[in-house]
mmCIF file of all heavy atoms, coordinates in Angstrom:
data_MODEL
# 
_entry.id   MODEL 
# 
loop_
_atom_site.group_PDB 
_atom_site.id 
_atom_site.type_symbol 
_atom_site.label_atom_id 
_atom_site.label_alt_id 
_atom_site.label_comp_id 
_atom_site.label_asym_id 
_atom_site.label_entity_id 
_atom_site.label_seq_id 
_atom_site.pdbx_PDB_ins_code 
_atom_site.Cartn_x 
_atom_site.Cartn_y 
_atom_site.Cartn_z 
_atom_site.occupancy 
_atom_site.B_iso_or_equiv 
_atom_site.pdbx_formal_charge 
_atom_site.auth_seq_id 
_atom_site.auth_comp_id 
_atom_site.auth_asym_id 
_atom_site.auth_atom_id 
_atom_site.pdbx_PDB_model_num 
ATOM 1   N N   . ASP A 1 1  ? 65.336 30.970 93.906  1.00 0.00 ? 1  ASP A N   1 
ATOM 2   C CA  . ASP A 1 1  ? 64.625 30.213 92.924  1.00 0.00 ? 1  ASP A CA  1 
ATOM 3   C C   . ASP A 1 1  ? 63.438 30.964 92.394  1.00 0.00 ? 1  ASP A C   1 
ATOM 4   O O   . ASP A 1 1  ? 62.436 31.107 93.007  1.00 0.00 ? 1  ASP A O   1 
ATOM 5   C CB  . ASP A 1 1  ? 64.107 28.911 93.625  1.00 0.00 ? 1  ASP A CB  1 
ATOM 6   C CG  . ASP A 1 1  ? 63.444 27.988 92.691  1.00 0.00 ? 1  ASP A CG  1 
ATOM 7   O OD1 . ASP A 1 1  ? 63.390 28.214 91.442  1.00 0.00 ? 1  ASP A OD1 1 
ATOM 8   O OD2 . ASP A 1 1  ? 63.020 26.820 93.077  1.00 0.00 ? 1  ASP A OD2 1 
ATOM 9   N N   . THR A 1 2  ? 63.592 31.524 91.201  1.00 0.00 ? 2  THR A N   1 
ATOM 10  C CA  . THR A 1 2  ? 62.605 32.318 90.634  1.00 0.00 ? 2  THR A CA  1 
ATOM 11  C C   . THR A 1 2  ? 61.246 31.668 90.254  1.00 0.00 ? 2  THR A C   1 
ATOM 12  O O   . THR A 1 2  ? 60.266 32.340 90.164  1.00 0.00 ? 2  THR A O   1 
ATOM 13  C CB  . THR A 1 2  ? 63.028 33.029 89.260  1.00 0.00 ? 2  THR A CB  1 
ATOM 14  O OG1 . THR A 1 2  ? 63.456 32.008 88.304  1.00 0.00 ? 2  THR A OG1 1 
ATOM 15  C CG2 . THR A 1 2  ? 64.241 33.962 89.591  1.00 0.00 ? 2  THR A CG2 1 
ATOM 16  N N   . THR A 1 3  ? 61.278 30.331 90.245  1.00 0.00 ? 3  THR A N   1 
ATOM 17  C CA  . THR A 1 3  ? 60.017 29.557 90.080  1.00 0.00 ? 3  THR A CA  1 
ATOM 18  C C   . THR A 1 3  ? 59.126 29.586 91.335  1.00 0.00 ? 3  THR A C   1 
ATOM 19  O O   . THR A 1 3  ? 58.033 29.260 91.346  1.00 0.00 ? 3  THR A O   1 
ATOM 20  C CB  . THR A 1 3  ? 60.213 28.093 89.630  1.00 0.00 ? 3  THR A CB  1 
ATOM 21  O OG1 . THR A 1 3  ? 61.035 27.535 90.652  1.00 0.00 ? 3  THR A OG1 1 
ATOM 22  C CG2 . THR A 1 3  ? 60.953 28.084 88.256  1.00 0.00 ? 3  THR A CG2 1 
ATOM 23  N N   . ASN A 1 4  ? 59.801 29.983 92.528  1.00 0.00 ? 4  ASN A N   1 
ATOM 24  C CA  . ASN A 1 4  ? 59.103 30.017 93.824  1.00 0.00 ? 4  ASN A CA  1 
ATOM 25  C C   . ASN A 1 4  ? 58.782 31.448 94.249  1.00 0.00 ? 4  ASN A C   1 
ATOM 26  O O   . ASN A 1 4  ? 58.594 31.716 95.406  1.00 0.00 ? 4  ASN A O   1 
ATOM 27  C CB  . ASN A 1 4  ? 59.880 29.288 94.915  1.00 0.00 ? 4  ASN A CB  1 
ATOM 28  C CG  . ASN A 1 4  ? 59.812 27.808 94.718  1.00 0.00 ? 4  ASN A CG  1 
ATOM 29  O OD1 . ASN A 1 4  ? 58.759 27.284 94.265  1.00 0.00 ? 4  ASN A OD1 1 
ATOM 30  N ND2 . ASN A 1 4  ? 60.825 27.054 95.151  1.00 0.00 ? 4  ASN A ND2 1 
ATOM 31  N N   . GLY A 1 5  ? 58.815 32.362 93.280  1.00 0.00 ? 5  GLY A N   1 
ATOM 32  C CA  . GLY A 1 5  ? 58.308 33.716 93.665  1.00 0.00 ? 5  GLY A CA  1 
ATOM 33  C C   . GLY A 1 5  ? 59.406 34.829 93.833  1.00 0.00 ? 5  GLY A C   1 
ATOM 34  O O   . GLY A 1 5  ? 59.144 36.005 94.096  1.00 0.00 ? 5  GLY A O   1 
ATOM 35  N N   . TYR A 1 6  ? 60.717 34.486 93.693  1.00 0.00 ? 6  TYR A N   1 
ATOM 36  C CA  . TYR A 1 6  ? 61.775 35.411 93.884  1.00 0.00 ? 6  TYR A CA  1 
ATOM 37  C C   . TYR A 1 6  ? 61.754 36.336 92.594  1.00 0.00 ? 6  TYR A C   1 
ATOM 38  O O   . TYR A 1 6  ? 61.666 35.754 91.469  1.00 0.00 ? 6  TYR A O   1 
ATOM 39  C CB  . TYR A 1 6  ? 63.118 34.841 94.066  1.00 0.00 ? 6  TYR A CB  1 
ATOM 40  C CG  . TYR A 1 6  ? 63.219 34.225 95.526  1.00 0.00 ? 6  TYR A CG  1 
ATOM 41  C CD1 . TYR A 1 6  ? 62.930 32.835 95.660  1.00 0.00 ? 6  TYR A CD1 1 
ATOM 42  C CD2 . TYR A 1 6  ? 63.561 34.996 96.587  1.00 0.00 ? 6  TYR A CD2 1 
ATOM 43  C CE1 . TYR A 1 6  ? 63.055 32.301 97.016  1.00 0.00 ? 6  TYR A CE1 1 
ATOM 44  C CE2 . TYR A 1 6  ? 63.704 34.524 97.833  1.00 0.00 ? 6  TYR A CE2 1 
ATOM 45  C CZ  . TYR A 1 6  ? 63.361 33.229 98.004  1.00 0.00 ? 6  TYR A CZ  1 
ATOM 46  O OH  . TYR A 1 6  ? 63.426 32.645 99.255  1.00 0.00 ? 6  TYR A OH  1 
ATOM 47  N N   . PRO A 1 7  ? 61.913 37.636 92.761  1.00 0.00 ? 7  PRO A N   1 
ATOM 48  C CA  . PRO A 1 7  ? 61.881 38.509 91.584  1.00 0.00 ? 7  PRO A CA  1 
ATOM 49  C C   . PRO A 1 7  ? 63.124 38.411 90.712  1.00 0.00 ? 7  PRO A C   1 
ATOM 50  O O   . PRO A 1 7  ? 63.031 38.637 89.479  1.00 0.00 ? 7  PRO A O   1 
ATOM 51  C CB  . PRO A 1 7  ? 61.832 39.945 92.177  1.00 0.00 ? 7  PRO A CB  1 
ATOM 52  C CG  . PRO A 1 7  ? 62.425 39.727 93.572  1.00 0.00 ? 7  PRO A CG  1 
ATOM 53  C CD  . PRO A 1 7  ? 62.084 38.359 93.994  1.00 0.00 ? 7  PRO A CD  1 
ATOM 54  N N   . GLU A 1 8  ? 64.171 38.012 91.253  1.00 0.00 ? 8  GLU A N   1 
ATOM 55  C CA  . GLU A 1 8  ? 65.440 37.814 90.442  1.00 0.00 ? 8  GLU A CA  1 
ATOM 56  C C   . GLU A 1 8  ? 66.216 36.605 90.966  1.00 0.00 ? 8  GLU A C   1 
ATOM 57  O O   . GLU A 1 8  ? 66.088 36.279 92.164  1.00 0.00 ? 8  GLU A O   1 
ATOM 58  C CB  . GLU A 1 8  ? 66.231 39.096 90.393  1.00 0.00 ? 8  GLU A CB  1 
ATOM 59  C CG  . GLU A 1 8  ? 66.655 39.525 91.813  1.00 0.00 ? 8  GLU A CG  1 
ATOM 60  C CD  . GLU A 1 8  ? 67.440 40.838 91.713  1.00 0.00 ? 8  GLU A CD  1 
ATOM 61  O OE1 . GLU A 1 8  ? 66.756 41.862 91.663  1.00 0.00 ? 8  GLU A OE1 1 
ATOM 62  O OE2 . GLU A 1 8  ? 68.645 40.875 91.771  1.00 0.00 ? 8  GLU A OE2 1 
ATOM 63  N N   . LYS A 1 9  ? 66.919 36.028 90.080  1.00 0.00 ? 9  LYS A N   1 
ATOM 64  C CA  . LYS A 1 9  ? 67.779 34.879 90.534  1.00 0.00 ? 9  LYS A CA  1 
ATOM 65  C C   . LYS A 1 9  ? 68.900 35.341 91.509  1.00 0.00 ? 9  LYS A C   1 
ATOM 66  O O   . LYS A 1 9  ? 69.295 36.598 91.447  1.00 0.00 ? 9  LYS A O   1 
ATOM 67  C CB  . LYS A 1 9  ? 68.410 34.173 89.313  1.00 0.00 ? 9  LYS A CB  1 
ATOM 68  C CG  . LYS A 1 9  ? 69.365 34.929 88.532  1.00 0.00 ? 9  LYS A CG  1 
ATOM 69  C CD  . LYS A 1 9  ? 69.924 34.019 87.445  1.00 0.00 ? 9  LYS A CD  1 
ATOM 70  C CE  . LYS A 1 9  ? 70.957 34.850 86.698  1.00 0.00 ? 9  LYS A CE  1 
ATOM 71  N NZ  . LYS A 1 9  ? 71.677 34.037 85.742  1.00 0.00 ? 9  LYS A NZ  1 
ATOM 72  N N   . LEU A 1 10 ? 69.514 34.494 92.265  1.00 0.00 ? 10 LEU A N   1 
ATOM 73  C CA  . LEU A 1 10 ? 70.591 34.834 93.075  1.00 0.00 ? 10 LEU A CA  1 
ATOM 74  C C   . LEU A 1 10 ? 71.855 34.913 92.209  1.00 0.00 ? 10 LEU A C   1 
ATOM 75  O O   . LEU A 1 10 ? 72.366 33.867 91.788  1.00 0.00 ? 10 LEU A O   1 
ATOM 76  C CB  . LEU A 1 10 ? 70.739 33.773 94.130  1.00 0.00 ? 10 LEU A CB  1 
ATOM 77  C CG  . LEU A 1 10 ? 71.805 34.037 95.161  1.00 0.00 ? 10 LEU A CG  1 
ATOM 78  C CD1 . LEU A 1 10 ? 71.758 35.363 95.899  1.00 0.00 ? 10 LEU A CD1 1 
ATOM 79  C CD2 . LEU A 1 10 ? 71.878 32.922 96.319  1.00 0.00 ? 10 LEU A CD2 1 
ATOM 80  N N   . ALA A 1 11 ? 72.317 36.082 91.997  1.00 0.00 ? 11 ALA A N   1 
ATOM 81  C CA  . ALA A 1 11 ? 73.429 36.270 91.011  1.00 0.00 ? 11 ALA A CA  1 
ATOM 82  C C   . ALA A 1 11 ? 74.611 37.023 91.743  1.00 0.00 ? 11 ALA A C   1 
ATOM 83  O O   . ALA A 1 11 ? 75.431 37.502 91.080  1.00 0.00 ? 11 ALA A O   1 
ATOM 84  C CB  . ALA A 1 11 ? 72.971 37.156 89.757  1.00 0.00 ? 11 ALA A CB  1 
ATOM 85  N N   . TYR A 1 12 ? 74.488 36.958 93.022  1.00 0.00 ? 12 TYR A N   1 
ATOM 86  C CA  . TYR A 1 12 ? 75.554 37.709 93.856  1.00 0.00 ? 12 TYR A CA  1 
ATOM 87  C C   . TYR A 1 12 ? 76.826 36.899 93.836  1.00 0.00 ? 12 TYR A C   1 
ATOM 88  O O   . TYR A 1 12 ? 76.851 35.646 94.071  1.00 0.00 ? 12 TYR A O   1 
ATOM 89  C CB  . TYR A 1 12 ? 75.162 37.985 95.335  1.00 0.00 ? 12 TYR A CB  1 
ATOM 90  C CG  . TYR A 1 12 ? 76.187 38.622 96.022  1.00 0.00 ? 12 TYR A CG  1 
ATOM 91  C CD1 . TYR A 1 12 ? 76.588 39.908 95.882  1.00 0.00 ? 12 TYR A CD1 1 
ATOM 92  C CD2 . TYR A 1 12 ? 76.800 37.839 97.128  1.00 0.00 ? 12 TYR A CD2 1 
ATOM 93  C CE1 . TYR A 1 12 ? 77.547 40.391 96.580  1.00 0.00 ? 12 TYR A CE1 1 
ATOM 94  C CE2 . TYR A 1 12 ? 77.780 38.377 97.821  1.00 0.00 ? 12 TYR A CE2 1 
ATOM 95  C CZ  . TYR A 1 12 ? 78.164 39.712 97.596  1.00 0.00 ? 12 TYR A CZ  1 
ATOM 96  O OH  . TYR A 1 12 ? 79.206 40.355 98.291  1.00 0.00 ? 12 TYR A OH  1 
ATOM 97  N N   . ASP A 1 13 ? 77.994 37.498 93.600  1.00 0.00 ? 13 ASP A N   1 
ATOM 98  C CA  . ASP A 1 13 ? 79.198 36.767 93.608  1.00 0.00 ? 13 ASP A CA  1 
ATOM 99  C C   . ASP A 1 13 ? 79.790 36.930 95.058  1.00 0.00 ? 13 ASP A C   1 
ATOM 100 O O   . ASP A 1 13 ? 80.333 37.989 95.425  1.00 0.00 ? 13 ASP A O   1 
ATOM 101 C CB  . ASP A 1 13 ? 80.231 37.434 92.616  1.00 0.00 ? 13 ASP A CB  1 
ATOM 102 C CG  . ASP A 1 13 ? 81.563 36.830 92.487  1.00 0.00 ? 13 ASP A CG  1 
ATOM 103 O OD1 . ASP A 1 13 ? 81.801 35.796 93.290  1.00 0.00 ? 13 ASP A OD1 1 
ATOM 104 O OD2 . ASP A 1 13 ? 82.415 37.267 91.875  1.00 0.00 ? 13 ASP A OD2 1 
ATOM 105 N N   . PHE A 1 14 ? 79.698 35.833 95.819  1.00 0.00 ? 14 PHE A N   1 
ATOM 106 C CA  . PHE A 1 14 ? 80.172 35.746 97.223  1.00 0.00 ? 14 PHE A CA  1 
ATOM 107 C C   . PHE A 1 14 ? 81.611 35.980 97.458  1.00 0.00 ? 14 PHE A C   1 
ATOM 108 O O   . PHE A 1 14 ? 82.040 36.204 98.545  1.00 0.00 ? 14 PHE A O   1 
ATOM 109 C CB  . PHE A 1 14 ? 79.685 34.438 97.859  1.00 0.00 ? 14 PHE A CB  1 
ATOM 110 C CG  . PHE A 1 14 ? 78.132 34.385 98.036  1.00 0.00 ? 14 PHE A CG  1 
ATOM 111 C CD1 . PHE A 1 14 ? 77.328 33.860 97.022  1.00 0.00 ? 14 PHE A CD1 1 
ATOM 112 C CD2 . PHE A 1 14 ? 77.536 34.930 99.141  1.00 0.00 ? 14 PHE A CD2 1 
ATOM 113 C CE1 . PHE A 1 14 ? 76.032 33.764 97.157  1.00 0.00 ? 14 PHE A CE1 1 
ATOM 114 C CE2 . PHE A 1 14 ? 76.154 34.886 99.379  1.00 0.00 ? 14 PHE A CE2 1 
ATOM 115 C CZ  . PHE A 1 14 ? 75.424 34.308 98.377  1.00 0.00 ? 14 PHE A CZ  1 
ATOM 116 N N   . SER A 1 15 ? 82.483 35.928 96.312  1.00 0.00 ? 15 SER A N   1 
ATOM 117 C CA  . SER A 1 15 ? 83.851 36.094 96.503  1.00 0.00 ? 15 SER A CA  1 
ATOM 118 C C   . SER A 1 15 ? 84.240 37.560 96.605  1.00 0.00 ? 15 SER A C   1 
ATOM 119 O O   . SER A 1 15 ? 85.445 37.957 96.871  1.00 0.00 ? 15 SER A O   1 
ATOM 120 C CB  . SER A 1 15 ? 84.576 35.444 95.335  1.00 0.00 ? 15 SER A CB  1 
ATOM 121 O OG  . SER A 1 15 ? 84.402 35.981 94.144  1.00 0.00 ? 15 SER A OG  1 
ATOM 122 N N   . THR A 1 16 ? 83.332 38.510 96.430  1.00 0.00 ? 16 THR A N   1 
ATOM 123 C CA  . THR A 1 16 ? 83.584 39.904 96.369  1.00 0.00 ? 16 THR A CA  1 
ATOM 124 C C   . THR A 1 16 ? 83.626 40.491 97.848  1.00 0.00 ? 16 THR A C   1 
ATOM 125 O O   . THR A 1 16 ? 84.225 41.642 97.974  1.00 0.00 ? 16 THR A O   1 
ATOM 126 C CB  . THR A 1 16 ? 82.600 40.700 95.536  1.00 0.00 ? 16 THR A CB  1 
ATOM 127 O OG1 . THR A 1 16 ? 81.280 40.503 96.114  1.00 0.00 ? 16 THR A OG1 1 
ATOM 128 C CG2 . THR A 1 16 ? 82.706 40.289 94.013  1.00 0.00 ? 16 THR A CG2 1 
ATOM 129 N N   . ASN A 1 17 ? 83.102 39.871 98.822  1.00 0.00 ? 17 ASN A N   1 
ATOM 130 C CA  . ASN A 1 17 ? 83.074 40.254 100.170 1.00 0.00 ? 17 ASN A CA  1 
ATOM 131 C C   . ASN A 1 17 ? 83.338 39.142 101.067 1.00 0.00 ? 17 ASN A C   1 
ATOM 132 O O   . ASN A 1 17 ? 82.943 37.973 100.823 1.00 0.00 ? 17 ASN A O   1 
ATOM 133 C CB  . ASN A 1 17 ? 81.744 40.801 100.625 1.00 0.00 ? 17 ASN A CB  1 
ATOM 134 C CG  . ASN A 1 17 ? 81.412 42.193 100.089 1.00 0.00 ? 17 ASN A CG  1 
ATOM 135 O OD1 . ASN A 1 17 ? 82.314 43.020 100.024 1.00 0.00 ? 17 ASN A OD1 1 
ATOM 136 N ND2 . ASN A 1 17 ? 80.161 42.440 99.647  1.00 0.00 ? 17 ASN A ND2 1 
ATOM 137 N N   . SER A 1 18 ? 84.252 39.340 102.055 1.00 0.00 ? 18 SER A N   1 
ATOM 138 C CA  . SER A 1 18 ? 84.555 38.296 103.006 1.00 0.00 ? 18 SER A CA  1 
ATOM 139 C C   . SER A 1 18 ? 83.499 37.987 103.962 1.00 0.00 ? 18 SER A C   1 
ATOM 140 O O   . SER A 1 18 ? 83.298 36.909 104.533 1.00 0.00 ? 18 SER A O   1 
ATOM 141 C CB  . SER A 1 18 ? 85.960 38.564 103.725 1.00 0.00 ? 18 SER A CB  1 
ATOM 142 O OG  . SER A 1 18 ? 85.699 39.830 104.514 1.00 0.00 ? 18 SER A OG  1 
ATOM 143 N N   . ASP A 1 19 ? 82.596 38.994 104.307 1.00 0.00 ? 19 ASP A N   1 
ATOM 144 C CA  . ASP A 1 19 ? 81.483 38.820 105.241 1.00 0.00 ? 19 ASP A CA  1 
ATOM 145 C C   . ASP A 1 19 ? 80.238 39.251 104.584 1.00 0.00 ? 19 ASP A C   1 
ATOM 146 O O   . ASP A 1 19 ? 80.159 40.454 104.149 1.00 0.00 ? 19 ASP A O   1 
ATOM 147 C CB  . ASP A 1 19 ? 81.719 39.677 106.553 1.00 0.00 ? 19 ASP A CB  1 
ATOM 148 C CG  . ASP A 1 19 ? 83.017 39.097 107.301 1.00 0.00 ? 19 ASP A CG  1 
ATOM 149 O OD1 . ASP A 1 19 ? 83.232 37.951 107.355 1.00 0.00 ? 19 ASP A OD1 1 
ATOM 150 O OD2 . ASP A 1 19 ? 83.735 40.000 107.770 1.00 0.00 ? 19 ASP A OD2 1 
ATOM 151 N N   . VAL A 1 20 ? 79.282 38.425 104.574 1.00 0.00 ? 20 VAL A N   1 
ATOM 152 C CA  . VAL A 1 20 ? 77.916 38.787 104.085 1.00 0.00 ? 20 VAL A CA  1 
ATOM 153 C C   . VAL A 1 20 ? 76.911 38.202 104.991 1.00 0.00 ? 20 VAL A C   1 
ATOM 154 O O   . VAL A 1 20 ? 77.203 37.155 105.723 1.00 0.00 ? 20 VAL A O   1 
ATOM 155 C CB  . VAL A 1 20 ? 77.555 38.315 102.633 1.00 0.00 ? 20 VAL A CB  1 
ATOM 156 C CG1 . VAL A 1 20 ? 78.460 39.037 101.579 1.00 0.00 ? 20 VAL A CG1 1 
ATOM 157 C CG2 . VAL A 1 20 ? 77.720 36.808 102.440 1.00 0.00 ? 20 VAL A CG2 1 
ATOM 158 N N   . TYR A 1 21 ? 75.748 38.893 105.107 1.00 0.00 ? 21 TYR A N   1 
ATOM 159 C CA  . TYR A 1 21 ? 74.778 38.469 106.234 1.00 0.00 ? 21 TYR A CA  1 
ATOM 160 C C   . TYR A 1 21 ? 73.487 38.296 105.507 1.00 0.00 ? 21 TYR A C   1 
ATOM 161 O O   . TYR A 1 21 ? 72.955 39.098 104.696 1.00 0.00 ? 21 TYR A O   1 
ATOM 162 C CB  . TYR A 1 21 ? 74.746 39.475 107.195 1.00 0.00 ? 21 TYR A CB  1 
ATOM 163 C CG  . TYR A 1 21 ? 75.970 39.747 107.921 1.00 0.00 ? 21 TYR A CG  1 
ATOM 164 C CD1 . TYR A 1 21 ? 76.925 40.741 107.284 1.00 0.00 ? 21 TYR A CD1 1 
ATOM 165 C CD2 . TYR A 1 21 ? 76.496 39.022 108.983 1.00 0.00 ? 21 TYR A CD2 1 
ATOM 166 C CE1 . TYR A 1 21 ? 78.236 40.870 107.851 1.00 0.00 ? 21 TYR A CE1 1 
ATOM 167 C CE2 . TYR A 1 21 ? 77.788 39.168 109.573 1.00 0.00 ? 21 TYR A CE2 1 
ATOM 168 C CZ  . TYR A 1 21 ? 78.592 40.213 108.998 1.00 0.00 ? 21 TYR A CZ  1 
ATOM 169 O OH  . TYR A 1 21 ? 79.832 40.373 109.491 1.00 0.00 ? 21 TYR A OH  1 
ATOM 170 N N   . LEU A 1 22 ? 72.725 37.182 105.902 1.00 0.00 ? 22 LEU A N   1 
ATOM 171 C CA  . LEU A 1 22 ? 71.341 36.967 105.399 1.00 0.00 ? 22 LEU A CA  1 
ATOM 172 C C   . LEU A 1 22 ? 70.428 37.516 106.400 1.00 0.00 ? 22 LEU A C   1 
ATOM 173 O O   . LEU A 1 22 ? 70.454 37.182 107.526 1.00 0.00 ? 22 LEU A O   1 
ATOM 174 C CB  . LEU A 1 22 ? 71.181 35.336 105.323 1.00 0.00 ? 22 LEU A CB  1 
ATOM 175 C CG  . LEU A 1 22 ? 69.812 34.894 104.869 1.00 0.00 ? 22 LEU A CG  1 
ATOM 176 C CD1 . LEU A 1 22 ? 69.583 35.375 103.372 1.00 0.00 ? 22 LEU A CD1 1 
ATOM 177 C CD2 . LEU A 1 22 ? 69.704 33.533 104.922 1.00 0.00 ? 22 LEU A CD2 1 
ATOM 178 N N   . GLN A 1 23 ? 69.552 38.342 105.857 1.00 0.00 ? 23 GLN A N   1 
ATOM 179 C CA  . GLN A 1 23 ? 68.487 38.925 106.592 1.00 0.00 ? 23 GLN A CA  1 
ATOM 180 C C   . GLN A 1 23 ? 67.160 38.162 106.323 1.00 0.00 ? 23 GLN A C   1 
ATOM 181 O O   . GLN A 1 23 ? 66.827 38.007 105.161 1.00 0.00 ? 23 GLN A O   1 
ATOM 182 C CB  . GLN A 1 23 ? 68.268 40.434 106.261 1.00 0.00 ? 23 GLN A CB  1 
ATOM 183 C CG  . GLN A 1 23 ? 67.103 41.101 107.077 1.00 0.00 ? 23 GLN A CG  1 
ATOM 184 C CD  . GLN A 1 23 ? 67.092 42.534 106.941 1.00 0.00 ? 23 GLN A CD  1 
ATOM 185 O OE1 . GLN A 1 23 ? 67.995 43.253 107.120 1.00 0.00 ? 23 GLN A OE1 1 
ATOM 186 N NE2 . GLN A 1 23 ? 65.985 43.052 106.420 1.00 0.00 ? 23 GLN A NE2 1 
ATOM 187 N N   . VAL A 1 24 ? 66.549 37.727 107.399 1.00 0.00 ? 24 VAL A N   1 
ATOM 188 C CA  . VAL A 1 24 ? 65.304 36.869 107.243 1.00 0.00 ? 24 VAL A CA  1 
ATOM 189 C C   . VAL A 1 24 ? 64.202 37.703 107.897 1.00 0.00 ? 24 VAL A C   1 
ATOM 190 O O   . VAL A 1 24 ? 64.359 37.926 109.093 1.00 0.00 ? 24 VAL A O   1 
ATOM 191 C CB  . VAL A 1 24 ? 65.465 35.467 107.838 1.00 0.00 ? 24 VAL A CB  1 
ATOM 192 C CG1 . VAL A 1 24 ? 64.198 34.710 107.658 1.00 0.00 ? 24 VAL A CG1 1 
ATOM 193 C CG2 . VAL A 1 24 ? 66.670 34.739 107.213 1.00 0.00 ? 24 VAL A CG2 1 
# 
């Protein structure tokens, strides 16, 4: 959500990889 300080919107296409991981 770019209105909350993210530099870019989330535009990643999740269908391109079967496994993705969120780093917090």
